[in-house]
C-alpha atoms as a PDB file:
ATOM      1  CA  MET A   1     -22.507  41.696  10.675  1.00  0.00           C
ATOM      2  CA  THR A   2     -22.257  43.359  14.042  1.00  0.00           C
ATOM      3  CA  ASP A   3     -24.886  45.918  12.980  1.00  0.00           C
ATOM      4  CA  PHE A   4     -27.561  43.215  12.866  1.00  0.00           C
ATOM      5  CA  ARG A   5     -29.785  42.721  15.869  1.00  0.00           C
ATOM      6  CA  ILE A   6     -29.340  39.187  17.131  1.00  0.00           C
ATOM      7  CA  SER A   7     -31.659  37.406  19.533  1.00  0.00           C
ATOM      8  CA  TYR A   8     -30.301  34.575  21.642  1.00  0.00           C
ATOM      9  CA  GLY A   9     -31.980  31.445  22.872  1.00  0.00           C
ATOM     10  CA  THR A  10     -31.899  31.225  26.658  1.00  0.00           C
ATOM     11  CA  GLU A  11     -29.575  28.195  26.784  1.00  0.00           C
ATOM     12  CA  VAL A  12     -27.104  29.792  24.368  1.00  0.00           C
ATOM     13  CA  ALA A  13     -27.188  33.173  26.092  1.00  0.00           C
ATOM     14  CA  VAL A  14     -26.360  31.587  29.448  1.00  0.00           C
ATOM     15  CA  ALA A  15     -23.594  29.450  27.945  1.00  0.00           C
ATOM     16  CA  LEU A  16     -21.937  32.414  26.254  1.00  0.00           C
ATOM     17  CA  ARG A  17     -22.189  34.477  29.434  1.00  0.00           C
ATOM     18  CA  ASP A  18     -20.583  31.703  31.470  1.00  0.00           C
ATOM     19  CA  GLY A  19     -17.860  30.914  28.942  1.00  0.00           C
ATOM     20  CA  ARG A  20     -19.126  27.403  28.230  1.00  0.00           C
ATOM     21  CA  PRO A  21     -18.470  25.670  24.887  1.00  0.00           C
ATOM     22  CA  VAL A  22     -21.001  26.462  22.166  1.00  0.00           C
ATOM     23  CA  VAL A  23     -21.288  25.042  18.650  1.00  0.00           C
ATOM     24  CA  ALA A  24     -23.067  26.870  15.843  1.00  0.00           C
ATOM     25  CA  LEU A  25     -25.339  24.866  13.527  1.00  0.00           C
ATOM     26  CA  GLU A  26     -26.883  25.923  10.228  1.00  0.00           C
ATOM     27  CA  SER A  27     -30.583  25.771   9.458  1.00  0.00           C
ATOM     28  CA  THR A  28     -30.391  25.347   5.673  1.00  0.00           C
ATOM     29  CA  ILE A  29     -29.817  21.634   6.162  1.00  0.00           C
ATOM     30  CA  VAL A  30     -33.136  21.595   8.040  1.00  0.00           C
ATOM     31  CA  SER A  31     -35.183  23.631   5.572  1.00  0.00           C
ATOM     32  CA  HIS A  32     -33.541  22.742   2.268  1.00  0.00           C
ATOM     33  CA  GLY A  33     -31.019  19.937   2.726  1.00  0.00           C
ATOM     34  CA  LEU A  34     -33.150  17.119   4.153  1.00  0.00           C
ATOM     35  CA  PRO A  35     -36.629  15.933   3.166  1.00  0.00           C
ATOM     36  CA  ARG A  36     -39.668  16.203   5.411  1.00  0.00           C
ATOM     37  CA  PRO A  37     -40.424  14.788   7.926  1.00  0.00           C
ATOM     38  CA  GLN A  38     -36.937  13.417   8.573  1.00  0.00           C
ATOM     39  CA  ASN A  39     -35.489  16.932   8.634  1.00  0.00           C
ATOM     40  CA  LEU A  40     -36.946  17.897  12.015  1.00  0.00           C
ATOM     41  CA  ARG A  41     -35.985  14.599  13.633  1.00  0.00           C
ATOM     42  CA  VAL A  42     -32.429  14.889  12.334  1.00  0.00           C
ATOM     43  CA  ALA A  43     -32.195  18.538  13.416  1.00  0.00           C
ATOM     44  CA  ARG A  44     -33.002  17.472  16.967  1.00  0.00           C
ATOM     45  CA  GLU A  45     -30.503  14.613  16.756  1.00  0.00           C
ATOM     46  CA  ILE A  46     -27.783  17.021  15.622  1.00  0.00           C
ATOM     47  CA  GLU A  47     -28.403  19.258  18.615  1.00  0.00           C
ATOM     48  CA  GLN A  48     -28.390  16.242  20.917  1.00  0.00           C
ATOM     49  CA  ALA A  49     -25.065  15.064  19.474  1.00  0.00           C
ATOM     50  CA  VAL A  50     -23.563  18.415  20.450  1.00  0.00           C
ATOM     51  CA  ARG A  51     -24.994  18.154  23.967  1.00  0.00           C
ATOM     52  CA  ASP A  52     -23.799  14.567  24.374  1.00  0.00           C
ATOM     53  CA  ALA A  53     -20.235  15.722  23.637  1.00  0.00           C
ATOM     54  CA  GLY A  54     -20.392  18.435  26.301  1.00  0.00           C
ATOM     55  CA  ALA A  55     -21.274  21.608  24.375  1.00  0.00           C
ATOM     56  CA  VAL A  56     -24.362  23.747  23.818  1.00  0.00           C
ATOM     57  CA  PRO A  57     -25.954  23.720  20.337  1.00  0.00           C
ATOM     58  CA  ALA A  58     -26.785  27.059  18.728  1.00  0.00           C
ATOM     59  CA  THR A  59     -28.851  26.473  15.604  1.00  0.00           C
ATOM     60  CA  ILE A  60     -29.038  29.763  13.711  1.00  0.00           C
ATOM     61  CA  GLY A  61     -31.927  30.995  11.575  1.00  0.00           C
ATOM     62  CA  MET A  62     -34.309  33.877  10.911  1.00  0.00           C
ATOM     63  CA  ILE A  63     -37.835  33.982  12.295  1.00  0.00           C
ATOM     64  CA  GLY A  64     -40.068  36.761  11.007  1.00  0.00           C
ATOM     65  CA  GLY A  65     -37.077  38.920  10.108  1.00  0.00           C
ATOM     66  CA  GLU A  66     -35.265  38.346  13.400  1.00  0.00           C
ATOM     67  CA  LEU A  67     -31.910  36.583  13.490  1.00  0.00           C
ATOM     68  CA  VAL A  68     -31.917  33.966  16.224  1.00  0.00           C
ATOM     69  CA  VAL A  69     -28.813  32.271  17.623  1.00  0.00           C
ATOM     70  CA  GLY A  70     -30.124  29.199  19.405  1.00  0.00           C
ATOM     71  CA  LEU A  71     -33.521  28.422  17.902  1.00  0.00           C
ATOM     72  CA  ASP A  72     -35.933  26.860  20.383  1.00  0.00           C
ATOM     73  CA  ASP A  73     -37.865  23.746  19.398  1.00  0.00           C
ATOM     74  CA  ALA A  74     -40.917  25.670  18.208  1.00  0.00           C
ATOM     75  CA  GLN A  75     -38.762  27.871  15.985  1.00  0.00           C
ATOM     76  CA  LEU A  76     -36.851  24.861  14.688  1.00  0.00           C
ATOM     77  CA  THR A  77     -40.147  23.157  13.913  1.00  0.00           C
ATOM     78  CA  ARG A  78     -41.324  26.242  12.036  1.00  0.00           C
ATOM     79  CA  LEU A  79     -38.278  26.296   9.759  1.00  0.00           C
ATOM     80  CA  ALA A  80     -38.553  22.556   9.211  1.00  0.00           C
ATOM     81  CA  THR A  81     -42.249  22.396   8.362  1.00  0.00           C
ATOM     82  CA  VAL A  82     -43.559  25.635   6.823  1.00  0.00           C
ATOM     83  CA  ASP A  83     -43.400  26.443   3.126  1.00  0.00           C
ATOM     84  CA  GLY A  84     -41.616  29.478   1.754  1.00  0.00           C
ATOM     85  CA  VAL A  85     -38.555  29.478   4.030  1.00  0.00           C
ATOM     86  CA  THR A  86     -35.891  31.499   2.222  1.00  0.00           C
ATOM     87  CA  LYS A  87     -32.345  30.231   1.793  1.00  0.00           C
ATOM     88  CA  LEU A  88     -30.204  33.016   3.251  1.00  0.00           C
ATOM     89  CA  SER A  89     -26.585  33.742   2.416  1.00  0.00           C
ATOM     90  CA  VAL A  90     -24.787  36.752   3.896  1.00  0.00           C
ATOM     91  CA  ARG A  91     -25.985  39.087   1.141  1.00  0.00           C
ATOM     92  CA  ASP A  92     -29.624  38.206   1.861  1.00  0.00           C
ATOM     93  CA  LEU A  93     -29.712  38.902   5.589  1.00  0.00           C
ATOM     94  CA  ALA A  94     -30.524  42.617   5.491  1.00  0.00           C
ATOM     95  CA  VAL A  95     -33.270  42.261   2.893  1.00  0.00           C
ATOM     96  CA  ALA A  96     -34.789  39.280   4.684  1.00  0.00           C
ATOM     97  CA  ALA A  97     -34.720  41.126   8.001  1.00  0.00           C
ATOM     98  CA  ALA A  98     -36.347  44.216   6.510  1.00  0.00           C
ATOM     99  CA  THR A  99     -39.113  42.173   4.876  1.00  0.00           C
ATOM    100  CA  GLY A 100     -39.846  40.022   7.921  1.00  0.00           C
ATOM    101  CA  ALA A 101     -38.909  36.754   6.258  1.00  0.00           C
ATOM    102  CA  ASP A 102     -38.486  33.304   7.672  1.00  0.00           C
ATOM    103  CA  GLY A 103     -35.044  32.182   6.587  1.00  0.00           C
ATOM    104  CA  ALA A 104     -32.587  29.313   6.858  1.00  0.00           C
ATOM    105  CA  THR A 105     -28.938  30.323   7.018  1.00  0.00           C
ATOM    106  CA  THR A 106     -26.324  28.806   4.713  1.00  0.00           C
ATOM    107  CA  VAL A 107     -22.765  27.994   5.737  1.00  0.00           C
ATOM    108  CA  ALA A 108     -21.718  31.538   4.812  1.00  0.00           C
ATOM    109  CA  ALA A 109     -24.504  33.250   6.737  1.00  0.00           C
ATOM    110  CA  THR A 110     -24.215  30.915   9.722  1.00  0.00           C
ATOM    111  CA  SER A 111     -20.457  31.515   9.902  1.00  0.00           C
ATOM    112  CA  ALA A 112     -20.880  35.278   9.814  1.00  0.00           C
ATOM    113  CA  VAL A 113     -23.665  35.365  12.406  1.00  0.00           C
ATOM    114  CA  ALA A 114     -21.894  32.887  14.693  1.00  0.00           C
ATOM    115  CA  ALA A 115     -18.690  34.933  14.656  1.00  0.00           C
ATOM    116  CA  ALA A 116     -20.643  38.105  15.393  1.00  0.00           C
ATOM    117  CA  ALA A 117     -22.267  36.298  18.325  1.00  0.00           C
ATOM    118  CA  GLY A 118     -18.901  35.216  19.724  1.00  0.00           C
ATOM    119  CA  ILE A 119     -19.162  31.549  18.739  1.00  0.00           C
ATOM    120  CA  GLY A 120     -15.926  30.114  17.349  1.00  0.00           C
ATOM    121  CA  VAL A 121     -16.852  26.578  16.219  1.00  0.00           C
ATOM    122  CA  PHE A 122     -19.417  25.561  13.614  1.00  0.00           C
ATOM    123  CA  ALA A 123     -20.497  22.100  12.437  1.00  0.00           C
ATOM    124  CA  THR A 124     -21.956  21.474   8.999  1.00  0.00           C
ATOM    125  CA  GLY A 125     -22.197  18.623   6.531  1.00  0.00           C
ATOM    126  CA  GLY A 126     -20.287  19.721   3.464  1.00  0.00           C
ATOM    127  CA  LEU A 127     -18.865  23.076   2.480  1.00  0.00           C
ATOM    128  CA  GLY A 128     -20.032  24.931  -0.626  1.00  0.00           C
ATOM    129  CA  GLY A 129     -17.424  25.675  -3.235  1.00  0.00           C
ATOM    130  CA  VAL A 130     -16.587  26.149  -6.887  1.00  0.00           C
ATOM    131  CA  HIS A 131     -19.203  24.650  -9.167  1.00  0.00           C
ATOM    132  CA  ARG A 132     -18.415  22.572 -12.200  1.00  0.00           C
ATOM    133  CA  GLU A 133     -18.095  24.729 -15.337  1.00  0.00           C
ATOM    134  CA  ALA A 134     -17.340  27.723 -13.116  1.00  0.00           C
ATOM    135  CA  ALA A 135     -14.782  28.909 -15.672  1.00  0.00           C
ATOM    136  CA  HIS A 136     -17.785  29.780 -17.845  1.00  0.00           C
ATOM    137  CA  THR A 137     -20.511  30.451 -15.279  1.00  0.00           C
ATOM    138  CA  PHE A 138     -18.423  32.063 -12.485  1.00  0.00           C
ATOM    139  CA  ASP A 139     -20.603  30.059 -10.080  1.00  0.00           C
ATOM    140  CA  GLU A 140     -18.844  29.896  -6.728  1.00  0.00           C
ATOM    141  CA  SER A 141     -20.336  29.595  -3.275  1.00  0.00           C
ATOM    142  CA  ALA A 142     -20.167  32.598  -0.971  1.00  0.00           C
ATOM    143  CA  ASP A 143     -18.958  30.135   1.686  1.00  0.00           C
ATOM    144  CA  LEU A 144     -15.388  30.493   0.441  1.00  0.00           C
ATOM    145  CA  VAL A 145     -15.012  34.282   0.564  1.00  0.00           C
ATOM    146  CA  THR A 146     -16.915  34.443   3.843  1.00  0.00           C
ATOM    147  CA  LEU A 147     -14.545  31.935   5.454  1.00  0.00           C
ATOM    148  CA  ALA A 148     -11.590  34.011   4.293  1.00  0.00           C
ATOM    149  CA  GLN A 149     -12.974  36.955   6.260  1.00  0.00           C
ATOM    150  CA  THR A 150     -14.507  35.252   9.295  1.00  0.00           C
ATOM    151  CA  PRO A 151     -12.733  33.884  12.401  1.00  0.00           C
ATOM    152  CA  ILE A 152     -14.645  30.625  12.585  1.00  0.00           C
ATOM    153  CA  THR A 153     -13.621  26.965  12.741  1.00  0.00           C
ATOM    154  CA  VAL A 154     -15.807  24.876  10.450  1.00  0.00           C
ATOM    155  CA  VAL A 155     -15.997  21.111  10.871  1.00  0.00           C
ATOM    156  CA  CYS A 156     -17.206  19.464   7.671  1.00  0.00           C
ATOM    157  CA  ALA A 157     -16.811  16.387   5.482  1.00  0.00           C
ATOM    158  CA  GLY A 158     -14.948  18.383   2.863  1.00  0.00           C
ATOM    159  CA  VAL A 159     -16.926  19.955   0.034  1.00  0.00           C
ATOM    160  CA  LYS A 160     -19.945  18.393  -1.596  1.00  0.00           C
ATOM    161  CA  SER A 161     -18.811  15.926  -4.249  1.00  0.00           C
ATOM    162  CA  ILE A 162     -21.222  17.454  -6.756  1.00  0.00           C
ATOM    163  CA  LEU A 163     -18.817  20.435  -6.954  1.00  0.00           C
ATOM    164  CA  ASP A 164     -15.375  20.912  -8.491  1.00  0.00           C
ATOM    165  CA  VAL A 165     -13.337  19.751  -5.504  1.00  0.00           C
ATOM    166  CA  GLY A 166      -9.913  20.539  -6.944  1.00  0.00           C
ATOM    167  CA  ALA A 167     -10.880  24.073  -7.944  1.00  0.00           C
ATOM    168  CA  THR A 168     -12.418  24.615  -4.507  1.00  0.00           C
ATOM    169  CA  LEU A 169      -9.188  23.638  -2.776  1.00  0.00           C
ATOM    170  CA  GLU A 170      -7.267  26.018  -5.042  1.00  0.00           C
ATOM    171  CA  ARG A 171      -9.636  28.853  -4.135  1.00  0.00           C
ATOM    172  CA  LEU A 172      -9.330  28.091  -0.424  1.00  0.00           C
ATOM    173  CA  GLU A 173      -5.560  28.296  -0.755  1.00  0.00           C
ATOM    174  CA  THR A 174      -5.740  31.588  -2.648  1.00  0.00           C
ATOM    175  CA  LEU A 175      -8.124  33.021  -0.070  1.00  0.00           C
ATOM    176  CA  GLY A 176      -5.842  31.992   2.797  1.00  0.00           C
ATOM    177  CA  VAL A 177      -8.238  29.545   4.446  1.00  0.00           C
ATOM    178  CA  ALA A 178      -6.289  26.848   6.293  1.00  0.00           C
ATOM    179  CA  VAL A 179      -7.479  23.278   5.720  1.00  0.00           C
ATOM    180  CA  ILE A 180      -6.494  20.450   8.045  1.00  0.00           C
ATOM    181  CA  GLY A 181      -7.569  16.830   7.894  1.00  0.00           C
ATOM    182  CA  TYR A 182      -8.864  15.128  11.002  1.00  0.00           C
ATOM    183  CA  ARG A 183      -6.824  11.916  11.245  1.00  0.00           C
ATOM    184  CA  THR A 184      -6.237  12.012   7.490  1.00  0.00           C
ATOM    185  CA  ARG A 185      -3.964  13.566   4.867  1.00  0.00           C
ATOM    186  CA  ARG A 186      -6.605  13.156   2.150  1.00  0.00           C
ATOM    187  CA  PHE A 187      -9.421  15.596   1.519  1.00  0.00           C
ATOM    188  CA  PRO A 188     -12.869  14.017   1.900  1.00  0.00           C
ATOM    189  CA  GLY A 189     -15.622  14.413  -0.689  1.00  0.00           C
ATOM    190  CA  PHE A 190     -18.766  14.539   1.449  1.00  0.00           C
ATOM    191  CA  TYR A 191     -20.454  11.259   0.436  1.00  0.00           C
ATOM    192  CA  LEU A 192     -16.993   9.818  -0.273  1.00  0.00           C
ATOM    193  CA  THR A 193     -14.200   9.264   2.220  1.00  0.00           C
ATOM    194  CA  ASP A 194     -11.529  10.401  -0.248  1.00  0.00           C
ATOM    195  CA  ALA A 195     -12.067  13.041  -2.935  1.00  0.00           C
ATOM    196  CA  GLY A 196      -8.662  12.364  -4.479  1.00  0.00           C
ATOM    197  CA  PHE A 197      -6.607  15.282  -3.159  1.00  0.00           C
ATOM    198  CA  ASP A 198      -3.791  15.474  -0.617  1.00  0.00           C
ATOM    199  CA  LEU A 199      -3.736  17.789   2.377  1.00  0.00           C
ATOM    200  CA  ASP A 200      -0.656  19.491   3.826  1.00  0.00           C
ATOM    201  CA  TRP A 201      -1.772  19.240   7.450  1.00  0.00           C
ATOM    202  CA  SER A 202      -3.438  16.730   9.711  1.00  0.00           C
ATOM    203  CA  VAL A 203      -4.401  16.568  13.388  1.00  0.00           C
ATOM    204  CA  ASP A 204      -5.297  13.578  15.540  1.00  0.00           C
ATOM    205  CA  SER A 205      -7.400  15.014  18.371  1.00  0.00           C
ATOM    206  CA  PRO A 206      -9.751  17.848  19.338  1.00  0.00           C
ATOM    207  CA  GLU A 207      -6.990  19.085  21.649  1.00  0.00           C
ATOM    208  CA  GLN A 208      -4.669  19.539  18.668  1.00  0.00           C
ATOM    209  CA  VAL A 209      -7.287  21.620  16.893  1.00  0.00           C
ATOM    210  CA  ALA A 210      -7.649  23.716  20.048  1.00  0.00           C
ATOM    211  CA  ALA A 211      -3.872  24.200  20.036  1.00  0.00           C
ATOM    212  CA  VAL A 212      -4.045  25.426  16.434  1.00  0.00           C
ATOM    213  CA  LEU A 213      -6.730  27.939  17.414  1.00  0.00           C
ATOM    214  CA  ALA A 214      -4.676  29.117  20.390  1.00  0.00           C
ATOM    215  CA  ALA A 215      -1.603  29.576  18.183  1.00  0.00           C
ATOM    216  CA  ARG A 216      -3.643  31.539  15.660  1.00  0.00           C
ATOM    217  CA  ASP A 217      -4.872  33.881  18.379  1.00  0.00           C
ATOM    218  CA  GLU A 218      -1.427  34.185  19.940  1.00  0.00           C
ATOM    219  CA  HIS A 219       0.306  35.115  16.712  1.00  0.00           C
ATOM    220  CA  ALA A 220      -2.590  37.304  15.515  1.00  0.00           C
ATOM    221  CA  VAL A 221      -1.527  37.071  11.888  1.00  0.00           C
ATOM    222  CA  HIS A 222      -4.733  35.678  10.452  1.00  0.00           C
ATOM    223  CA  THR A 223      -8.364  36.559  11.081  1.00  0.00           C
ATOM    224  CA  GLY A 224      -9.974  34.111   8.641  1.00  0.00           C
ATOM    225  CA  GLY A 225     -11.473  30.693   9.087  1.00  0.00           C
ATOM    226  CA  LEU A 226     -10.100  27.238   9.699  1.00  0.00           C
ATOM    227  CA  LEU A 227     -11.527  24.212   7.910  1.00  0.00           C
ATOM    228  CA  VAL A 228     -11.379  20.869   9.726  1.00  0.00           C
ATOM    229  CA  ALA A 229     -12.048  18.101   7.195  1.00  0.00           C
ATOM    230  CA  ASN A 230     -13.592  15.086   8.924  1.00  0.00           C
ATOM    231  CA  PRO A 231     -14.016  12.129   6.535  1.00  0.00           C
ATOM    232  CA  LEU A 232     -16.456   9.293   6.926  1.00  0.00           C
ATOM    233  CA  PRO A 233     -14.937   5.879   7.617  1.00  0.00           C
ATOM    234  CA  VAL A 234     -14.622   3.908   4.382  1.00  0.00           C
ATOM    235  CA  ASP A 235     -17.306   1.437   5.441  1.00  0.00           C
ATOM    236  CA  GLU A 236     -19.785   4.287   6.011  1.00  0.00           C
ATOM    237  CA  GLN A 237     -19.365   6.161   2.726  1.00  0.00           C
ATOM    238  CA  LEU A 238     -21.739   5.942  -0.225  1.00  0.00           C
ATOM    239  CA  ASP A 239     -20.735   3.181  -2.616  1.00  0.00           C
ATOM    240  CA  PRO A 240     -18.294   4.962  -4.993  1.00  0.00           C
ATOM    241  CA  GLU A 241     -19.681   3.315  -8.143  1.00  0.00           C
ATOM    242  CA  LEU A 242     -23.234   4.246  -7.168  1.00  0.00           C
ATOM    243  CA  HIS A 243     -22.038   7.765  -6.362  1.00  0.00           C
ATOM    244  CA  ASP A 244     -20.303   8.290  -9.699  1.00  0.00           C
ATOM    245  CA  ARG A 245     -23.212   6.918 -11.719  1.00  0.00           C
ATOM    246  CA  THR A 246     -25.761   9.001  -9.812  1.00  0.00           C
ATOM    247  CA  LEU A 247     -23.662  12.147 -10.127  1.00  0.00           C
ATOM    248  CA  ALA A 248     -23.324  11.759 -13.887  1.00  0.00           C
ATOM    249  CA  GLU A 249     -27.065  11.243 -14.246  1.00  0.00           C
ATOM    250  CA  GLY A 250     -27.831  14.176 -11.954  1.00  0.00           C
ATOM    251  CA  LEU A 251     -25.543  16.560 -13.817  1.00  0.00           C
ATOM    252  CA  ALA A 252     -27.181  15.596 -17.107  1.00  0.00           C
ATOM    253  CA  ARG A 253     -30.633  16.260 -15.664  1.00  0.00           C
ATOM    254  CA  LEU A 254     -29.403  19.534 -14.201  1.00  0.00           C
ATOM    255  CA  GLU A 255     -28.400  20.772 -17.644  1.00  0.00           C
ATOM    256  CA  ARG A 256     -31.599  19.464 -19.202  1.00  0.00           C
ATOM    257  CA  ASP A 257     -33.766  21.285 -16.663  1.00  0.00           C
ATOM    258  CA  GLY A 258     -31.735  24.512 -16.788  1.00  0.00           C
ATOM    259  CA  VAL A 259     -31.142  24.646 -13.037  1.00  0.00           C
ATOM    260  CA  THR A 260     -28.548  27.255 -12.016  1.00  0.00           C
ATOM    261  CA  GLY A 261     -27.273  29.269  -9.025  1.00  0.00           C
ATOM    262  CA  LYS A 262     -28.252  28.418  -5.485  1.00  0.00           C
ATOM    263  CA  ALA A 263     -30.881  25.939  -6.721  1.00  0.00           C
ATOM    264  CA  VAL A 264     -28.164  23.573  -7.990  1.00  0.00           C
ATOM    265  CA  THR A 265     -27.170  21.995  -4.679  1.00  0.00           C
ATOM    266  CA  PRO A 266     -30.707  21.262  -3.377  1.00  0.00           C
ATOM    267  CA  TYR A 267     -31.623  19.880  -6.814  1.00  0.00           C
ATOM    268  CA  LEU A 268     -28.689  17.478  -6.943  1.00  0.00           C
ATOM    269  CA  LEU A 269     -29.032  16.397  -3.313  1.00  0.00           C
ATOM    270  CA  ALA A 270     -32.707  15.620  -3.901  1.00  0.00           C
ATOM    271  CA  TYR A 271     -31.797  13.648  -7.012  1.00  0.00           C
ATOM    272  CA  PHE A 272     -29.186  11.681  -5.086  1.00  0.00           C
ATOM    273  CA  HIS A 273     -31.769  10.849  -2.428  1.00  0.00           C
ATOM    274  CA  ALA A 274     -34.281   9.597  -4.995  1.00  0.00           C
ATOM    275  CA  ALA A 275     -31.816   7.780  -7.254  1.00  0.00           C
ATOM    276  CA  THR A 276     -30.021   5.983  -4.424  1.00  0.00           C
ATOM    277  CA  GLU A 277     -33.321   5.065  -2.747  1.00  0.00           C
ATOM    278  CA  GLY A 278     -32.369   6.898   0.424  1.00  0.00           C
ATOM    279  CA  ALA A 279     -28.800   5.618   0.725  1.00  0.00           C
ATOM    280  CA  SER A 280     -27.335   9.093   0.196  1.00  0.00           C
ATOM    281  CA  LEU A 281     -29.667  10.533   2.832  1.00  0.00           C
ATOM    282  CA  ALA A 282     -28.450   7.995   5.382  1.00  0.00           C
ATOM    283  CA  VAL A 283     -24.851   8.959   4.563  1.00  0.00           C
ATOM    284  CA  ASN A 284     -25.722  12.649   4.813  1.00  0.00           C
ATOM    285  CA  VAL A 285     -27.154  12.129   8.296  1.00  0.00           C
ATOM    286  CA  ARG A 286     -24.095  10.171   9.435  1.00  0.00           C
ATOM    287  CA  ILE A 287     -21.882  12.998   8.175  1.00  0.00           C
ATOM    288  CA  ILE A 288     -23.574  15.789  10.094  1.00  0.00           C
ATOM    289  CA  LEU A 289     -23.902  13.777  13.309  1.00  0.00           C
ATOM    290  CA  ARG A 290     -20.186  12.899  13.252  1.00  0.00           C
ATOM    291  CA  ASN A 291     -19.266  16.509  12.532  1.00  0.00           C
ATOM    292  CA  ALA A 292     -21.511  17.819  15.301  1.00  0.00           C
ATOM    293  CA  ASP A 293     -19.801  15.461  17.753  1.00  0.00           C
ATOM    294  CA  LEU A 294     -16.294  16.481  16.664  1.00  0.00           C
ATOM    295  CA  ALA A 295     -17.128  20.186  16.664  1.00  0.00           C
ATOM    296  CA  ALA A 296     -18.464  19.919  20.206  1.00  0.00           C
ATOM    297  CA  ARG A 297     -15.328  18.131  21.385  1.00  0.00           C
ATOM    298  CA  ILE A 298     -13.190  20.836  19.748  1.00  0.00           C
ATOM    299  CA  ALA A 299     -15.237  23.548  21.468  1.00  0.00           C
ATOM    300  CA  VAL A 300     -14.847  21.760  24.814  1.00  0.00           C
ATOM    301  CA  ALA A 301     -11.080  21.420  24.295  1.00  0.00           C
ATOM    302  CA  ALA A 302     -10.762  25.080  23.335  1.00  0.00           C
ATOM    303  CA  VAL A 303     -12.589  26.234  26.477  1.00  0.00           C
ATOM    304  CA  ALA A 304     -10.539  23.878  28.643  1.00  0.00           C
ATOM    305  CA  ARG A 305      -7.318  25.213  27.153  1.00  0.00           C
ATOM    306  CA  THR A 306      -8.381  28.812  27.715  1.00  0.00           C
ATOM    307  CA  SER A 307      -9.434  28.068  31.280  1.00  0.00           C
ATOM    308  CA  ALA A 308      -6.059  26.442  32.001  1.00  0.00           C
ATOM    309  CA  VAL A 309      -4.098  29.522  30.953  1.00  0.00           C
ATOM    310  CA  PRO A 310      -3.135  31.678  33.989  1.00  0.00           C
ATOM    311  CA  ALA A 311      -4.727  35.140  33.995  1.00  0.00           C
END
């Protein structure tokens, strides 16, 4: 990743130079995860949530083949409103750059670019993972392998409940990606507060997460990512019965329409939005705003801890 030319927004460049807290944000949620015109409004709200918690937002994307860390409002508007924006994972970055594409970065690509830019904390909605029927299709998100290789802390609401959550947790363990619950010992399922799986570790504050990051750096025995699972409060989750019914219907339609690969997640999220009459979209927005706030507070705590250490 360090061979790619990265352009920096002015606010982000100054913050990185001055050692201020910065939080990376993906652009796929803007271009492919939320419907128009709400996507641009929510993208701005996400950035504001980071600012309100004391950090600088760095939304990452590709404009005309150029990787940008810290999209300005015009660039954000472009990715939110124009047709033909490509969904970019790590493998796509070189080709997209060479062909001058407009692109929205996934969790994997955002993590890799953020780490290359020196940003250590990243907020997203839900992590990608192992797809259902992966034993036959071998369909697994690049998010998992990328996190195993990238020193980034990702704040998310677990993995999307449309995936195989149990298999995803097994893969994260195999890949050596640490998972800690934020004020919980249960792994969240994106729309759902509890996906039905226990966690070994839990923390209660941003300062504790910062302490984990400091210990990781001090011991220097692991260079991969850290997953901070931040569940929605029970009264803010999607109704579980509605969720389960919608998921079953969506999976049936998915098979009927022959949708595969990276088109699966946008397809199912769009179906959830339509079938729940917007309820899932409201939950999705609550998720990313809460995660942006927590990620910013972690970034602030990490900088404060570093600044307090004698030279």
